Amino acid sequence: MKEKVEKVLDEIRTMLRADGGDVELVDVTDGVVKVRLQGACAACPSAQMTLRMGVEKTLKEKIPGIKEVVEA
């Protein structure tokens, strides 16, 4: 499962890096993905929206079994 999540995150990273940010995969346990937002994304006021509407939504669409994405 971790490999699948990393592949999808690679797709998302393109958009995040364009804005000076990034996302690091910390862990995947029982359908819960733990990530760490980095760079501009870590301090951005819209970080939670990016996490929910960008990262979580995309992971849930592409990988069955993902329940939620949380910040580590």
C-alpha atoms as a PDB file:
ATOM      1  CA  MET A   1       0.000   0.000   0.000  1.00  0.00           C
ATOM      2  CA  LYS A   2       2.849   2.378   0.807  1.00  0.00           C
ATOM      3  CA  GLU A   3       4.207   2.093  -2.729  1.00  0.00           C
ATOM      4  CA  LYS A   4       0.806   2.938  -4.226  1.00  0.00           C
ATOM      5  CA  VAL A   5       0.473   5.970  -1.962  1.00  0.00           C
ATOM      6  CA  GLU A   6       3.976   7.155  -2.883  1.00  0.00           C
ATOM      7  CA  LYS A   7       3.120   6.922  -6.613  1.00  0.00           C
ATOM      8  CA  VAL A   8       0.021   9.072  -6.180  1.00  0.00           C
ATOM      9  CA  LEU A   9       1.929  11.546  -4.015  1.00  0.00           C
ATOM     10  CA  ASP A  10       4.466  11.880  -6.825  1.00  0.00           C
ATOM     11  CA  GLU A  11       1.628  13.111  -9.063  1.00  0.00           C
ATOM     12  CA  ILE A  12       0.475  15.587  -6.408  1.00  0.00           C
ATOM     13  CA  ARG A  13       4.006  16.831  -5.733  1.00  0.00           C
ATOM     14  CA  THR A  14       4.196  18.445  -9.161  1.00  0.00           C
ATOM     15  CA  MET A  15       1.473  20.907  -8.177  1.00  0.00           C
ATOM     16  CA  LEU A  16       2.835  21.482  -4.677  1.00  0.00           C
ATOM     17  CA  ARG A  17       6.375  22.088  -5.898  1.00  0.00           C
ATOM     18  CA  ALA A  18       5.116  24.674  -8.377  1.00  0.00           C
ATOM     19  CA  ASP A  19       4.058  26.708  -5.328  1.00  0.00           C
ATOM     20  CA  GLY A  20       7.261  26.052  -3.383  1.00  0.00           C
ATOM     21  CA  GLY A  21       5.920  23.211  -1.262  1.00  0.00           C
ATOM     22  CA  ASP A  22       6.121  19.451  -0.985  1.00  0.00           C
ATOM     23  CA  VAL A  23       4.637  16.496   0.876  1.00  0.00           C
ATOM     24  CA  GLU A  24       6.470  13.693   2.656  1.00  0.00           C
ATOM     25  CA  LEU A  25       4.926  10.280   3.319  1.00  0.00           C
ATOM     26  CA  VAL A  26       5.413   9.361   6.973  1.00  0.00           C
ATOM     27  CA  ASP A  27       3.343   6.179   7.320  1.00  0.00           C
ATOM     28  CA  VAL A  28       0.337   4.208   6.116  1.00  0.00           C
ATOM     29  CA  THR A  29      -1.567   2.184   8.719  1.00  0.00           C
ATOM     30  CA  ASP A  30      -5.025   0.628   8.355  1.00  0.00           C
ATOM     31  CA  GLY A  31      -6.037   3.015   5.570  1.00  0.00           C
ATOM     32  CA  VAL A  32      -4.800   6.115   7.385  1.00  0.00           C
ATOM     33  CA  VAL A  33      -2.062   7.990   5.537  1.00  0.00           C
ATOM     34  CA  LYS A  34       0.241  10.192   7.611  1.00  0.00           C
ATOM     35  CA  VAL A  35       2.012  12.951   5.713  1.00  0.00           C
ATOM     36  CA  ARG A  36       4.100  15.994   6.493  1.00  0.00           C
ATOM     37  CA  LEU A  37       3.634  19.145   4.433  1.00  0.00           C
ATOM     38  CA  GLN A  38       6.929  20.871   3.691  1.00  0.00           C
ATOM     39  CA  GLY A  39       8.277  24.132   2.334  1.00  0.00           C
ATOM     40  CA  ALA A  40       5.709  26.796   1.546  1.00  0.00           C
ATOM     41  CA  CYS A  41       2.890  24.313   2.230  1.00  0.00           C
ATOM     42  CA  ALA A  42       3.921  23.872   5.879  1.00  0.00           C
ATOM     43  CA  ALA A  43       3.286  27.526   6.734  1.00  0.00           C
ATOM     44  CA  CYS A  44       0.505  28.252   4.262  1.00  0.00           C
ATOM     45  CA  PRO A  45      -2.860  29.391   5.664  1.00  0.00           C
ATOM     46  CA  SER A  46      -4.519  27.040   3.170  1.00  0.00           C
ATOM     47  CA  ALA A  47      -2.517  23.991   4.288  1.00  0.00           C
ATOM     48  CA  GLN A  48      -5.540  22.151   5.699  1.00  0.00           C
ATOM     49  CA  MET A  49      -7.498  22.743   2.502  1.00  0.00           C
ATOM     50  CA  THR A  50      -4.543  21.443   0.477  1.00  0.00           C
ATOM     51  CA  LEU A  51      -4.380  18.401   2.728  1.00  0.00           C
ATOM     52  CA  ARG A  52      -8.116  17.609   2.500  1.00  0.00           C
ATOM     53  CA  MET A  53      -9.133  18.773  -0.968  1.00  0.00           C
ATOM     54  CA  GLY A  54      -5.870  17.978  -2.716  1.00  0.00           C
ATOM     55  CA  VAL A  55      -3.955  15.169  -1.072  1.00  0.00           C
ATOM     56  CA  GLU A  56      -6.756  13.243   0.677  1.00  0.00           C
ATOM     57  CA  LYS A  57      -9.269  13.550  -2.159  1.00  0.00           C
ATOM     58  CA  THR A  58      -6.766  12.365  -4.776  1.00  0.00           C
ATOM     59  CA  LEU A  59      -5.546   9.438  -2.666  1.00  0.00           C
ATOM     60  CA  LYS A  60      -9.108   8.282  -1.934  1.00  0.00           C
ATOM     61  CA  GLU A  61     -10.035   8.473  -5.624  1.00  0.00           C
ATOM     62  CA  LYS A  62      -7.018   6.499  -6.800  1.00  0.00           C
ATOM     63  CA  ILE A  63      -6.518   3.968  -3.998  1.00  0.00           C
ATOM     64  CA  PRO A  64      -9.450   1.999  -2.574  1.00  0.00           C
ATOM     65  CA  GLY A  65      -9.080   1.501   1.157  1.00  0.00           C
ATOM     66  CA  ILE A  66      -7.728   4.930   2.039  1.00  0.00           C
ATOM     67  CA  LYS A  67      -9.874   6.218   4.910  1.00  0.00           C
ATOM     68  CA  GLU A  68      -8.225   9.530   5.685  1.00  0.00           C
ATOM     69  CA  VAL A  69      -5.066  11.582   5.438  1.00  0.00           C
ATOM     70  CA  VAL A  70      -3.665  13.202   8.562  1.00  0.00           C
ATOM     71  CA  GLU A  71      -0.740  15.515   9.156  1.00  0.00           C
ATOM     72  CA  ALA A  72       2.076  13.959  11.159  1.00  0.00           C
END
